[in-house]
PDB file of N, CA and C in Angstrom:
ATOM      1  N   MET A   1      38.816 -15.731  52.594  1.00  0.00           N
ATOM      2  CA  MET A   1      39.132 -16.770  51.628  1.00  0.00           C
ATOM      3  C   MET A   1      40.627 -16.775  51.302  1.00  0.00           C
ATOM      4  N   LYS A   2      41.211 -15.569  51.146  1.00  0.00           N
ATOM      5  CA  LYS A   2      42.631 -15.465  50.862  1.00  0.00           C
ATOM      6  C   LYS A   2      43.449 -16.060  52.006  1.00  0.00           C
ATOM      7  N   PHE A   3      42.995 -15.814  53.236  1.00  0.00           N
ATOM      8  CA  PHE A   3      43.680 -16.344  54.414  1.00  0.00           C
ATOM      9  C   PHE A   3      43.764 -17.862  54.362  1.00  0.00           C
ATOM     10  N   LEU A   4      42.663 -18.534  54.013  1.00  0.00           N
ATOM     11  CA  LEU A   4      42.658 -19.999  53.940  1.00  0.00           C
ATOM     12  C   LEU A   4      43.606 -20.513  52.869  1.00  0.00           C
ATOM     13  N   LYS A   5      43.696 -19.799  51.751  1.00  0.00           N
ATOM     14  CA  LYS A   5      44.591 -20.212  50.675  1.00  0.00           C
ATOM     15  C   LYS A   5      46.044 -20.137  51.154  1.00  0.00           C
ATOM     16  N   TYR A   6      46.396 -19.041  51.843  1.00  0.00           N
ATOM     17  CA  TYR A   6      47.763 -18.904  52.338  1.00  0.00           C
ATOM     18  C   TYR A   6      48.055 -19.886  53.473  1.00  0.00           C
ATOM     19  N   LEU A   7      47.059 -20.159  54.300  1.00  0.00           N
ATOM     20  CA  LEU A   7      47.229 -21.140  55.363  1.00  0.00           C
ATOM     21  C   LEU A   7      47.485 -22.520  54.780  1.00  0.00           C
ATOM     22  N   ALA A   8      46.725 -22.894  53.763  1.00  0.00           N
ATOM     23  CA  ALA A   8      46.915 -24.194  53.115  1.00  0.00           C
ATOM     24  C   ALA A   8      48.304 -24.281  52.482  1.00  0.00           C
ATOM     25  N   LEU A   9      48.747 -23.213  51.844  1.00  0.00           N
ATOM     26  CA  LEU A   9      50.076 -23.192  51.232  1.00  0.00           C
ATOM     27  C   LEU A   9      51.164 -23.322  52.291  1.00  0.00           C
ATOM     28  N   ALA A  10      51.003 -22.634  53.401  1.00  0.00           N
ATOM     29  CA  ALA A  10      51.984 -22.710  54.486  1.00  0.00           C
ATOM     30  C   ALA A  10      52.054 -24.120  55.058  1.00  0.00           C
ATOM     31  N   LEU A  11      50.922 -24.774  55.203  1.00  0.00           N
ATOM     32  CA  LEU A  11      50.910 -26.143  55.716  1.00  0.00           C
ATOM     33  C   LEU A  11      51.616 -27.094  54.768  1.00  0.00           C
ATOM     34  N   VAL A  12      51.403 -26.926  53.470  1.00  0.00           N
ATOM     35  CA  VAL A  12      52.057 -27.789  52.485  1.00  0.00           C
ATOM     36  C   VAL A  12      53.562 -27.557  52.495  1.00  0.00           C
ATOM     37  N   LEU A  13      53.985 -26.288  52.538  1.00  0.00           N
ATOM     38  CA  LEU A  13      55.413 -25.983  52.510  1.00  0.00           C
ATOM     39  C   LEU A  13      56.126 -26.381  53.791  1.00  0.00           C
ATOM     40  N   SER A  14      55.430 -26.370  54.913  1.00  0.00           N
ATOM     41  CA  SER A  14      56.075 -26.706  56.175  1.00  0.00           C
ATOM     42  C   SER A  14      56.040 -28.196  56.489  1.00  0.00           C
ATOM     43  N   SER A  15      55.276 -28.970  55.741  1.00  0.00           N
ATOM     44  CA  SER A  15      55.216 -30.401  56.012  1.00  0.00           C
ATOM     45  C   SER A  15      56.480 -31.077  55.512  1.00  0.00           C
ATOM     46  N   PRO A  16      56.956 -32.116  56.218  1.00  0.00           N
ATOM     47  CA  PRO A  16      58.161 -32.802  55.783  1.00  0.00           C
ATOM     48  C   PRO A  16      57.922 -33.510  54.445  1.00  0.00           C
ATOM     49  N   VAL A  17      58.833 -33.311  53.537  1.00  0.00           N
ATOM     50  CA  VAL A  17      58.704 -33.889  52.202  1.00  0.00           C
ATOM     51  C   VAL A  17      59.957 -34.687  51.921  1.00  0.00           C
ATOM     52  N   SER A  18      59.816 -35.872  51.390  1.00  0.00           N
ATOM     53  CA  SER A  18      60.966 -36.663  50.992  1.00  0.00           C
ATOM     54  C   SER A  18      61.402 -36.216  49.615  1.00  0.00           C
ATOM     55  N   ALA A  19      62.537 -35.533  49.556  1.00  0.00           N
ATOM     56  CA  ALA A  19      63.046 -35.061  48.268  1.00  0.00           C
ATOM     57  C   ALA A  19      63.510 -36.236  47.435  1.00  0.00           C
ATOM     58  N   TYR A  20      64.129 -37.188  48.076  1.00  0.00           N
ATOM     59  CA  TYR A  20      64.619 -38.355  47.355  1.00  0.00           C
ATOM     60  C   TYR A  20      63.672 -39.513  47.599  1.00  0.00           C
ATOM     61  N   GLU A  21      63.499 -40.305  46.570  1.00  0.00           N
ATOM     62  CA  GLU A  21      62.610 -41.461  46.647  1.00  0.00           C
ATOM     63  C   GLU A  21      63.364 -42.689  46.166  1.00  0.00           C
ATOM     64  N   VAL A  22      62.791 -43.835  46.357  1.00  0.00           N
ATOM     65  CA  VAL A  22      63.391 -45.090  45.919  1.00  0.00           C
ATOM     66  C   VAL A  22      63.694 -45.011  44.426  1.00  0.00           C
ATOM     67  N   ASN A  23      64.876 -45.475  44.060  1.00  0.00           N
ATOM     68  CA  ASN A  23      65.403 -45.530  42.687  1.00  0.00           C
ATOM     69  C   ASN A  23      65.912 -44.196  42.162  1.00  0.00           C
ATOM     70  N   ASP A  24      65.887 -43.118  42.964  1.00  0.00           N
ATOM     71  CA  ASP A  24      66.504 -41.873  42.533  1.00  0.00           C
ATOM     72  C   ASP A  24      68.017 -42.063  42.477  1.00  0.00           C
ATOM     73  N   LYS A  25      68.660 -41.406  41.518  1.00  0.00           N
ATOM     74  CA  LYS A  25      70.113 -41.449  41.395  1.00  0.00           C
ATOM     75  C   LYS A  25      70.682 -40.223  42.100  1.00  0.00           C
ATOM     76  N   ILE A  26      71.702 -40.452  42.934  1.00  0.00           N
ATOM     77  CA  ILE A  26      72.307 -39.358  43.681  1.00  0.00           C
ATOM     78  C   ILE A  26      73.829 -39.483  43.622  1.00  0.00           C
ATOM     79  N   ARG A  27      74.505 -38.421  44.042  1.00  0.00           N
ATOM     80  CA  ARG A  27      75.964 -38.440  44.196  1.00  0.00           C
ATOM     81  C   ARG A  27      76.267 -38.197  45.670  1.00  0.00           C
ATOM     82  N   ILE A  28      77.179 -39.003  46.217  1.00  0.00           N
ATOM     83  CA  ILE A  28      77.451 -38.942  47.652  1.00  0.00           C
ATOM     84  C   ILE A  28      78.948 -38.870  47.923  1.00  0.00           C
ATOM     85  N   THR A  29      79.302 -38.396  49.119  1.00  0.00           N
ATOM     86  CA  THR A  29      80.701 -38.373  49.547  1.00  0.00           C
ATOM     87  C   THR A  29      80.895 -39.037  50.913  1.00  0.00           C
ATOM     88  N   LEU A  30      79.818 -39.402  51.569  1.00  0.00           N
ATOM     89  CA  LEU A  30      79.889 -40.075  52.871  1.00  0.00           C
ATOM     90  C   LEU A  30      79.164 -41.408  52.761  1.00  0.00           C
ATOM     91  N   VAL A  31      79.863 -42.485  53.144  1.00  0.00           N
ATOM     92  CA  VAL A  31      79.283 -43.821  53.074  1.00  0.00           C
ATOM     93  C   VAL A  31      79.509 -44.526  54.401  1.00  0.00           C
ATOM     94  N   CYS A  32      78.455 -45.137  54.955  1.00  0.00           N
ATOM     95  CA  CYS A  32      78.574 -45.940  56.170  1.00  0.00           C
ATOM     96  C   CYS A  32      78.102 -47.363  55.873  1.00  0.00           C
ATOM     97  N   LEU A  33      78.664 -48.307  56.604  1.00  0.00           N
ATOM     98  CA  LEU A  33      78.315 -49.715  56.387  1.00  0.00           C
ATOM     99  C   LEU A  33      77.056 -50.139  57.130  1.00  0.00           C
ATOM    100  N   THR A  34      76.706 -49.414  58.201  1.00  0.00           N
ATOM    101  CA  THR A  34      75.550 -49.833  59.007  1.00  0.00           C
ATOM    102  C   THR A  34      74.571 -48.685  59.201  1.00  0.00           C
ATOM    103  N   GLU A  35      73.328 -49.063  59.423  1.00  0.00           N
ATOM    104  CA  GLU A  35      72.289 -48.074  59.714  1.00  0.00           C
ATOM    105  C   GLU A  35      72.560 -47.397  61.056  1.00  0.00           C
ATOM    106  N   GLU A  36      73.084 -48.146  62.020  1.00  0.00           N
ATOM    107  CA  GLU A  36      73.382 -47.572  63.328  1.00  0.00           C
ATOM    108  C   GLU A  36      74.410 -46.457  63.211  1.00  0.00           C
ATOM    109  N   ALA A  37      75.414 -46.646  62.365  1.00  0.00           N
ATOM    110  CA  ALA A  37      76.459 -45.629  62.194  1.00  0.00           C
ATOM    111  C   ALA A  37      75.888 -44.354  61.584  1.00  0.00           C
ATOM    112  N   ILE A  38      75.071 -44.487  60.554  1.00  0.00           N
ATOM    113  CA  ILE A  38      74.522 -43.286  59.918  1.00  0.00           C
ATOM    114  C   ILE A  38      73.573 -42.564  60.873  1.00  0.00           C
ATOM    115  N   MET A  39      72.842 -43.315  61.693  1.00  0.00           N
ATOM    116  CA  MET A  39      71.943 -42.682  62.657  1.00  0.00           C
ATOM    117  C   MET A  39      72.735 -41.958  63.753  1.00  0.00           C
ATOM    118  N   GLU A  40      73.914 -42.454  64.088  1.00  0.00           N
ATOM    119  CA  GLU A  40      74.782 -41.757  65.042  1.00  0.00           C
ATOM    120  C   GLU A  40      75.247 -40.428  64.434  1.00  0.00           C
ATOM    121  N   ILE A  41      75.554 -40.435  63.147  1.00  0.00           N
ATOM    122  CA  ILE A  41      75.952 -39.201  62.465  1.00  0.00           C
ATOM    123  C   ILE A  41      74.764 -38.247  62.352  1.00  0.00           C
ATOM    124  N   VAL A  42      73.581 -38.772  62.102  1.00  0.00           N
ATOM    125  CA  VAL A  42      72.372 -37.933  62.048  1.00  0.00           C
ATOM    126  C   VAL A  42      72.184 -37.208  63.372  1.00  0.00           C
ATOM    127  N   GLU A  43      72.312 -37.931  64.473  1.00  0.00           N
ATOM    128  CA  GLU A  43      72.136 -37.332  65.794  1.00  0.00           C
ATOM    129  C   GLU A  43      73.157 -36.213  66.026  1.00  0.00           C
ATOM    130  N   ALA A  44      74.403 -36.457  65.621  1.00  0.00           N
ATOM    131  CA  ALA A  44      75.447 -35.436  65.779  1.00  0.00           C
ATOM    132  C   ALA A  44      75.209 -34.257  64.845  1.00  0.00           C
ATOM    133  N   ASP A  45      74.770 -34.515  63.618  1.00  0.00           N
ATOM    134  CA  ASP A  45      74.534 -33.473  62.620  1.00  0.00           C
ATOM    135  C   ASP A  45      73.408 -32.538  63.041  1.00  0.00           C
ATOM    136  N   ALA A  46      72.463 -33.050  63.784  1.00  0.00           N
ATOM    137  CA  ALA A  46      71.347 -32.215  64.251  1.00  0.00           C
ATOM    138  C   ALA A  46      71.800 -31.255  65.358  1.00  0.00           C
ATOM    139  N   LYS A  47      72.912 -31.557  66.029  1.00  0.00           N
ATOM    140  CA  LYS A  47      73.380 -30.724  67.147  1.00  0.00           C
ATOM    141  C   LYS A  47      74.290 -29.593  66.692  1.00  0.00           C
ATOM    142  N   SER A  48      75.412 -29.935  66.043  1.00  0.00           N
ATOM    143  CA  SER A  48      76.367 -28.899  65.629  1.00  0.00           C
ATOM    144  C   SER A  48      77.326 -29.454  64.577  1.00  0.00           C
ATOM    145  N   MET A  49      78.004 -28.539  63.885  1.00  0.00           N
ATOM    146  CA  MET A  49      78.976 -28.944  62.883  1.00  0.00           C
ATOM    147  C   MET A  49      80.145 -29.674  63.552  1.00  0.00           C
ATOM    148  N   GLU A  50      80.542 -29.217  64.728  1.00  0.00           N
ATOM    149  CA  GLU A  50      81.638 -29.857  65.445  1.00  0.00           C
ATOM    150  C   GLU A  50      81.284 -31.287  65.828  1.00  0.00           C
ATOM    151  N   ASP A  51      80.050 -31.499  66.313  1.00  0.00           N
ATOM    152  CA  ASP A  51      79.615 -32.857  66.657  1.00  0.00           C
ATOM    153  C   ASP A  51      79.560 -33.740  65.418  1.00  0.00           C
ATOM    154  N   PHE A  52      79.082 -33.188  64.307  1.00  0.00           N
ATOM    155  CA  PHE A  52      79.030 -33.938  63.049  1.00  0.00           C
ATOM    156  C   PHE A  52      80.435 -34.351  62.625  1.00  0.00           C
ATOM    157  N   ASN A  53      81.366 -33.400  62.607  1.00  0.00           N
ATOM    158  CA  ASN A  53      82.736 -33.703  62.196  1.00  0.00           C
ATOM    159  C   ASN A  53      83.390 -34.726  63.121  1.00  0.00           C
ATOM    160  N   ARG A  54      83.143 -34.592  64.415  1.00  0.00           N
ATOM    161  CA  ARG A  54      83.708 -35.519  65.390  1.00  0.00           C
ATOM    162  C   ARG A  54      83.165 -36.937  65.166  1.00  0.00           C
ATOM    163  N   ALA A  55      81.850 -37.058  64.974  1.00  0.00           N
ATOM    164  CA  ALA A  55      81.248 -38.382  64.771  1.00  0.00           C
ATOM    165  C   ALA A  55      81.719 -39.001  63.459  1.00  0.00           C
ATOM    166  N   ALA A  56      81.756 -38.206  62.387  1.00  0.00           N
ATOM    167  CA  ALA A  56      82.197 -38.735  61.091  1.00  0.00           C
ATOM    168  C   ALA A  56      83.655 -39.183  61.163  1.00  0.00           C
ATOM    169  N   LYS A  57      84.496 -38.401  61.838  1.00  0.00           N
ATOM    170  CA  LYS A  57      85.921 -38.758  61.962  1.00  0.00           C
ATOM    171  C   LYS A  57      86.095 -40.020  62.799  1.00  0.00           C
ATOM    172  N   MET A  58      85.371 -40.108  63.929  1.00  0.00           N
ATOM    173  CA  MET A  58      85.485 -41.278  64.800  1.00  0.00           C
ATOM    174  C   MET A  58      85.051 -42.555  64.060  1.00  0.00           C
ATOM    175  N   LEU A  59      83.915 -42.462  63.348  1.00  0.00           N
ATOM    176  CA  LEU A  59      83.426 -43.634  62.637  1.00  0.00           C
ATOM    177  C   LEU A  59      84.303 -43.975  61.429  1.00  0.00           C
ATOM    178  N   SER A  60      84.965 -42.979  60.843  1.00  0.00           N
ATOM    179  CA  SER A  60      85.914 -43.239  59.760  1.00  0.00           C
ATOM    180  C   SER A  60      87.152 -43.949  60.293  1.00  0.00           C
ATOM    181  N   MET A  61      87.613 -43.527  61.476  1.00  0.00           N
ATOM    182  CA  MET A  61      88.797 -44.150  62.067  1.00  0.00           C
ATOM    183  C   MET A  61      88.548 -45.608  62.439  1.00  0.00           C
ATOM    184  N   THR A  62      87.310 -45.937  62.766  1.00  0.00           N
ATOM    185  CA  THR A  62      86.991 -47.328  63.116  1.00  0.00           C
ATOM    186  C   THR A  62      86.648 -48.161  61.878  1.00  0.00           C
ATOM    187  N   GLY A  63      86.565 -47.517  60.714  1.00  0.00           N
ATOM    188  CA  GLY A  63      86.301 -48.253  59.476  1.00  0.00           C
ATOM    189  C   GLY A  63      84.833 -48.493  59.184  1.00  0.00           C
ATOM    190  N   VAL A  64      83.956 -47.921  59.981  1.00  0.00           N
ATOM    191  CA  VAL A  64      82.523 -48.123  59.781  1.00  0.00           C
ATOM    192  C   VAL A  64      81.975 -47.168  58.717  1.00  0.00           C
ATOM    193  N   CYS A  65      82.583 -45.977  58.624  1.00  0.00           N
ATOM    194  CA  CYS A  65      82.184 -44.990  57.624  1.00  0.00           C
ATOM    195  C   CYS A  65      83.405 -44.546  56.838  1.00  0.00           C
ATOM    196  N   LEU A  66      83.148 -43.951  55.689  1.00  0.00           N
ATOM    197  CA  LEU A  66      84.220 -43.487  54.815  1.00  0.00           C
ATOM    198  C   LEU A  66      83.789 -42.187  54.170  1.00  0.00           C
ATOM    199  N   THR A  67      84.676 -41.186  54.235  1.00  0.00           N
ATOM    200  CA  THR A  67      84.444 -39.943  53.519  1.00  0.00           C
ATOM    201  C   THR A  67      85.256 -40.017  52.230  1.00  0.00           C
ATOM    202  N   ILE A  68      84.579 -39.858  51.105  1.00  0.00           N
ATOM    203  CA  ILE A  68      85.199 -40.029  49.798  1.00  0.00           C
ATOM    204  C   ILE A  68      85.539 -38.643  49.235  1.00  0.00           C
ATOM    205  N   PRO A  69      86.768 -38.447  48.726  1.00  0.00           N
ATOM    206  CA  PRO A  69      87.142 -37.121  48.223  1.00  0.00           C
ATOM    207  C   PRO A  69      86.358 -36.676  46.984  1.00  0.00           C
ATOM    208  N   ARG A  70      85.963 -37.609  46.146  1.00  0.00           N
ATOM    209  CA  ARG A  70      85.145 -37.290  44.964  1.00  0.00           C
ATOM    210  C   ARG A  70      83.776 -37.925  45.143  1.00  0.00           C
ATOM    211  N   THR A  71      82.777 -37.357  44.484  1.00  0.00           N
ATOM    212  CA  THR A  71      81.433 -37.932  44.625  1.00  0.00           C
ATOM    213  C   THR A  71      81.356 -39.289  43.936  1.00  0.00           C
ATOM    214  N   VAL A  72      80.519 -40.128  44.483  1.00  0.00           N
ATOM    215  CA  VAL A  72      80.271 -41.466  43.958  1.00  0.00           C
ATOM    216  C   VAL A  72      78.786 -41.558  43.634  1.00  0.00           C
ATOM    217  N   ARG A  73      78.465 -42.206  42.529  1.00  0.00           N
ATOM    218  CA  ARG A  73      77.061 -42.378  42.169  1.00  0.00           C
ATOM    219  C   ARG A  73      76.434 -43.494  43.004  1.00  0.00           C
ATOM    220  N   ALA A  74      75.163 -43.287  43.340  1.00  0.00           N
ATOM    221  CA  ALA A  74      74.426 -44.277  44.121  1.00  0.00           C
ATOM    222  C   ALA A  74      72.952 -44.203  43.746  1.00  0.00           C
ATOM    223  N   ILE A  75      72.225 -45.259  44.072  1.00  0.00           N
ATOM    224  CA  ILE A  75      70.785 -45.324  43.844  1.00  0.00           C
ATOM    225  C   ILE A  75      70.112 -45.517  45.193  1.00  0.00           C
ATOM    226  N   VAL A  76      69.086 -44.716  45.456  1.00  0.00           N
ATOM    227  CA  VAL A  76      68.383 -44.764  46.731  1.00  0.00           C
ATOM    228  C   VAL A  76      67.538 -46.042  46.817  1.00  0.00           C
ATOM    229  N   ASN A  77      67.734 -46.786  47.901  1.00  0.00           N
ATOM    230  CA  ASN A  77      66.910 -47.976  48.175  1.00  0.00           C
ATOM    231  C   ASN A  77      65.768 -47.658  49.123  1.00  0.00           C
ATOM    232  N   LYS A  78      66.088 -46.815  50.130  1.00  0.00           N
ATOM    233  CA  LYS A  78      65.090 -46.513  51.158  1.00  0.00           C
ATOM    234  C   LYS A  78      65.490 -45.237  51.882  1.00  0.00           C
ATOM    235  N   VAL A  79      64.530 -44.337  52.102  1.00  0.00           N
ATOM    236  CA  VAL A  79      64.774 -43.147  52.918  1.00  0.00           C
ATOM    237  C   VAL A  79      64.487 -43.531  54.363  1.00  0.00           C
ATOM    238  N   LEU A  80      65.482 -43.337  55.228  1.00  0.00           N
ATOM    239  CA  LEU A  80      65.334 -43.719  56.633  1.00  0.00           C
ATOM    240  C   LEU A  80      64.661 -42.628  57.451  1.00  0.00           C
ATOM    241  N   ILE A  81      65.117 -41.377  57.263  1.00  0.00           N
ATOM    242  CA  ILE A  81      64.589 -40.289  58.082  1.00  0.00           C
ATOM    243  C   ILE A  81      64.878 -38.948  57.417  1.00  0.00           C
ATOM    244  N   ASP A  82      63.942 -38.007  57.559  1.00  0.00           N
ATOM    245  CA  ASP A  82      64.148 -36.605  57.193  1.00  0.00           C
ATOM    246  C   ASP A  82      64.409 -35.874  58.506  1.00  0.00           C
ATOM    247  N   TYR A  83      65.405 -34.999  58.534  1.00  0.00           N
ATOM    248  CA  TYR A  83      65.685 -34.229  59.752  1.00  0.00           C
ATOM    249  C   TYR A  83      66.268 -32.884  59.377  1.00  0.00           C
ATOM    250  N   THR A  84      66.364 -31.985  60.338  1.00  0.00           N
ATOM    251  CA  THR A  84      66.969 -30.681  60.128  1.00  0.00           C
ATOM    252  C   THR A  84      68.364 -30.699  60.745  1.00  0.00           C
ATOM    253  N   ASP A  85      69.365 -30.365  59.935  1.00  0.00           N
ATOM    254  CA  ASP A  85      70.742 -30.407  60.427  1.00  0.00           C
ATOM    255  C   ASP A  85      71.061 -29.178  61.277  1.00  0.00           C
ATOM    256  N   TRP A  86      72.275 -29.078  61.759  1.00  0.00           N
ATOM    257  CA  TRP A  86      72.711 -28.004  62.647  1.00  0.00           C
ATOM    258  C   TRP A  86      72.567 -26.624  62.007  1.00  0.00           C
ATOM    259  N   ASN A  87      72.560 -26.574  60.674  1.00  0.00           N
ATOM    260  CA  ASN A  87      72.491 -25.310  59.951  1.00  0.00           C
ATOM    261  C   ASN A  87      71.075 -24.983  59.478  1.00  0.00           C
ATOM    262  N   GLY A  88      70.089 -25.774  59.919  1.00  0.00           N
ATOM    263  CA  GLY A  88      68.701 -25.517  59.562  1.00  0.00           C
ATOM    264  C   GLY A  88      68.289 -26.060  58.206  1.00  0.00           C
ATOM    265  N   ARG A  89      69.123 -26.888  57.580  1.00  0.00           N
ATOM    266  CA  ARG A  89      68.798 -27.464  56.273  1.00  0.00           C
ATOM    267  C   ARG A  89      68.140 -28.830  56.453  1.00  0.00           C
ATOM    268  N   VAL A  90      67.109 -29.077  55.672  1.00  0.00           N
ATOM    269  CA  VAL A  90      66.456 -30.382  55.728  1.00  0.00           C
ATOM    270  C   VAL A  90      67.349 -31.382  55.006  1.00  0.00           C
ATOM    271  N   THR A  91      67.620 -32.483  55.678  1.00  0.00           N
ATOM    272  CA  THR A  91      68.550 -33.499  55.191  1.00  0.00           C
ATOM    273  C   THR A  91      67.895 -34.856  55.343  1.00  0.00           C
ATOM    274  N   GLN A  92      68.337 -35.814  54.546  1.00  0.00           N
ATOM    275  CA  GLN A  92      67.800 -37.173  54.644  1.00  0.00           C
ATOM    276  C   GLN A  92      68.921 -38.173  54.879  1.00  0.00           C
ATOM    277  N   ALA A  93      68.632 -39.166  55.699  1.00  0.00           N
ATOM    278  CA  ALA A  93      69.500 -40.331  55.833  1.00  0.00           C
ATOM    279  C   ALA A  93      68.839 -41.430  55.012  1.00  0.00           C
ATOM    280  N   MET A  94      69.645 -42.173  54.264  1.00  0.00           N
ATOM    281  CA  MET A  94      69.057 -43.180  53.373  1.00  0.00           C
ATOM    282  C   MET A  94      69.968 -44.377  53.176  1.00  0.00           C
ATOM    283  N   GLN A  95      69.346 -45.456  52.753  1.00  0.00           N
ATOM    284  CA  GLN A  95      70.074 -46.657  52.354  1.00  0.00           C
ATOM    285  C   GLN A  95      70.258 -46.579  50.843  1.00  0.00           C
ATOM    286  N   VAL A  96      71.473 -46.855  50.376  1.00  0.00           N
ATOM    287  CA  VAL A  96      71.765 -46.740  48.946  1.00  0.00           C
ATOM    288  C   VAL A  96      72.538 -47.952  48.446  1.00  0.00           C
ATOM    289  N   THR A  97      72.539 -48.097  47.128  1.00  0.00           N
ATOM    290  CA  THR A  97      73.397 -49.046  46.443  1.00  0.00           C
ATOM    291  C   THR A  97      74.390 -48.240  45.625  1.00  0.00           C
ATOM    292  N   LEU A  98      75.677 -48.512  45.805  1.00  0.00           N
ATOM    293  CA  LEU A  98      76.706 -47.784  45.070  1.00  0.00           C
ATOM    294  C   LEU A  98      76.785 -48.276  43.631  1.00  0.00           C
ATOM    295  N   VAL A  99      77.132 -47.352  42.724  1.00  0.00           N
ATOM    296  CA  VAL A  99      77.285 -47.677  41.308  1.00  0.00           C
ATOM    297  C   VAL A  99      78.775 -47.573  40.978  1.00  0.00           C
ATOM    298  N   HIS A 100      79.348 -48.644  40.393  1.00  0.00           N
ATOM    299  CA  HIS A 100      80.766 -48.645  40.036  1.00  0.00           C
ATOM    300  C   HIS A 100      81.014 -47.571  38.980  1.00  0.00           C
ATOM    301  N   PRO A 101      82.048 -46.739  39.157  1.00  0.00           N
ATOM    302  CA  PRO A 101      82.260 -45.612  38.235  1.00  0.00           C
ATOM    303  C   PRO A 101      82.635 -46.018  36.807  1.00  0.00           C
ATOM    304  N   ASP A 102      83.263 -47.163  36.628  1.00  0.00           N
ATOM    305  CA  ASP A 102      83.702 -47.573  35.295  1.00  0.00           C
ATOM    306  C   ASP A 102      82.705 -48.490  34.597  1.00  0.00           C
ATOM    307  N   THR A 103      82.198 -49.460  35.340  1.00  0.00           N
ATOM    308  CA  THR A 103      81.349 -50.478  34.714  1.00  0.00           C
ATOM    309  C   THR A 103      79.858 -50.214  34.865  1.00  0.00           C
ATOM    310  N   CYS A 104      79.490 -49.276  35.746  1.00  0.00           N
ATOM    311  CA  CYS A 104      78.079 -48.971  36.059  1.00  0.00           C
ATOM    312  C   CYS A 104      77.355 -50.151  36.697  1.00  0.00           C
ATOM    313  N   GLN A 105      78.112 -51.120  37.186  1.00  0.00           N
ATOM    314  CA  GLN A 105      77.526 -52.252  37.897  1.00  0.00           C
ATOM    315  C   GLN A 105      77.141 -51.824  39.307  1.00  0.00           C
ATOM    316  N   LEU A 106      76.076 -52.401  39.830  1.00  0.00           N
ATOM    317  CA  LEU A 106      75.634 -52.097  41.190  1.00  0.00           C
ATOM    318  C   LEU A 106      76.420 -52.926  42.186  1.00  0.00           C
ATOM    319  N   HIS A 107      76.860 -52.297  43.275  1.00  0.00           N
ATOM    320  CA  HIS A 107      77.577 -52.996  44.337  1.00  0.00           C
ATOM    321  C   HIS A 107      76.586 -53.893  45.067  1.00  0.00           C
ATOM    322  N   PRO A 108      76.963 -55.130  45.397  1.00  0.00           N
ATOM    323  CA  PRO A 108      75.994 -56.048  46.025  1.00  0.00           C
ATOM    324  C   PRO A 108      75.592 -55.676  47.454  1.00  0.00           C
ATOM    325  N   LEU A 109      76.423 -54.925  48.183  1.00  0.00           N
ATOM    326  CA  LEU A 109      76.090 -54.557  49.562  1.00  0.00           C
ATOM    327  C   LEU A 109      75.299 -53.267  49.618  1.00  0.00           C
ATOM    328  N   LYS A 110      74.492 -53.135  50.640  1.00  0.00           N
ATOM    329  CA  LYS A 110      73.750 -51.898  50.891  1.00  0.00           C
ATOM    330  C   LYS A 110      74.599 -50.999  51.784  1.00  0.00           C
ATOM    331  N   HIS A 111      74.576 -49.703  51.515  1.00  0.00           N
ATOM    332  CA  HIS A 111      75.315 -48.723  52.291  1.00  0.00           C
ATOM    333  C   HIS A 111      74.351 -47.641  52.758  1.00  0.00           C
ATOM    334  N   TYR A 112      74.848 -46.749  53.619  1.00  0.00           N
ATOM    335  CA  TYR A 112      74.010 -45.703  54.185  1.00  0.00           C
ATOM    336  C   TYR A 112      74.704 -44.354  54.017  1.00  0.00           C
ATOM    337  N   THR A 113      73.915 -43.309  53.774  1.00  0.00           N
ATOM    338  CA  THR A 113      74.484 -41.984  53.530  1.00  0.00           C
ATOM    339  C   THR A 113      73.508 -40.885  53.932  1.00  0.00           C
ATOM    340  N   LEU A 114      73.967 -39.635  53.797  1.00  0.00           N
ATOM    341  CA  LEU A 114      73.147 -38.446  54.041  1.00  0.00           C
ATOM    342  C   LEU A 114      73.066 -37.649  52.750  1.00  0.00           C
ATOM    343  N   ALA A 115      71.977 -36.951  52.570  1.00  0.00           N
ATOM    344  CA  ALA A 115      71.825 -36.060  51.407  1.00  0.00           C
ATOM    345  C   ALA A 115      70.940 -34.890  51.784  1.00  0.00           C
ATOM    346  N   LEU A 116      71.358 -33.696  51.364  1.00  0.00           N
ATOM    347  CA  LEU A 116      70.510 -32.518  51.546  1.00  0.00           C
ATOM    348  C   LEU A 116      69.278 -32.663  50.680  1.00  0.00           C
ATOM    349  N   LEU A 117      68.202 -32.014  51.081  1.00  0.00           N
ATOM    350  CA  LEU A 117      66.943 -32.086  50.326  1.00  0.00           C
ATOM    351  C   LEU A 117      67.080 -31.302  49.033  1.00  0.00           C
ATOM    352  N   ARG A 118      67.681 -31.950  48.041  1.00  0.00           N
ATOM    353  CA  ARG A 118      67.884 -31.302  46.752  1.00  0.00           C
ATOM    354  C   ARG A 118      68.148 -32.396  45.734  1.00  0.00           C
ATOM    355  N   LYS A 119      67.224 -32.576  44.829  1.00  0.00           N
ATOM    356  CA  LYS A 119      67.377 -33.616  43.820  1.00  0.00           C
ATOM    357  C   LYS A 119      68.379 -33.199  42.767  1.00  0.00           C
ATOM    358  N   GLN A 120      69.123 -34.173  42.250  1.00  0.00           N
ATOM    359  CA  GLN A 120      70.025 -33.942  41.138  1.00  0.00           C
ATOM    360  C   GLN A 120      69.480 -34.668  39.924  1.00  0.00           C
ATOM    361  N   THR A 121      69.651 -34.086  38.762  1.00  0.00           N
ATOM    362  CA  THR A 121      69.183 -34.735  37.550  1.00  0.00           C
ATOM    363  C   THR A 121      70.349 -34.923  36.600  1.00  0.00           C
ATOM    364  N   GLY A 122      70.194 -35.826  35.671  1.00  0.00           N
ATOM    365  CA  GLY A 122      71.186 -36.038  34.641  1.00  0.00           C
ATOM    366  C   GLY A 122      72.455 -36.708  35.106  1.00  0.00           C
ATOM    367  N   ILE A 123      72.368 -37.602  36.070  1.00  0.00           N
ATOM    368  CA  ILE A 123      73.556 -38.306  36.552  1.00  0.00           C
ATOM    369  C   ILE A 123      73.920 -39.394  35.576  1.00  0.00           C
TER     370      ILE A 123
END
């Protein structure tokens, strides 16, 4: 009986879980204009840190993505994919709406970003 309890717990803990859900508030430092761009970064992030840095830099140079020095507030619109990054951390790619830092107004365009599986509260 104990074995079944531990097996059930292991299955629950090993199943992919969406840490972020629609309307969650998050802070981000990487923003992309297209879903294709963020998925290219996801593919690189799953391979190695060097591939991730190379893809983020290339897409930043072309103006498709932007790395922001300070965090920006955003609201999750849709979780695109859960994946494991190069360092073994579960990460999510998502579509977000940016929140203006001064006026708290929502930006009319949709953007795309990555977030580690870790919810933030009190934003």
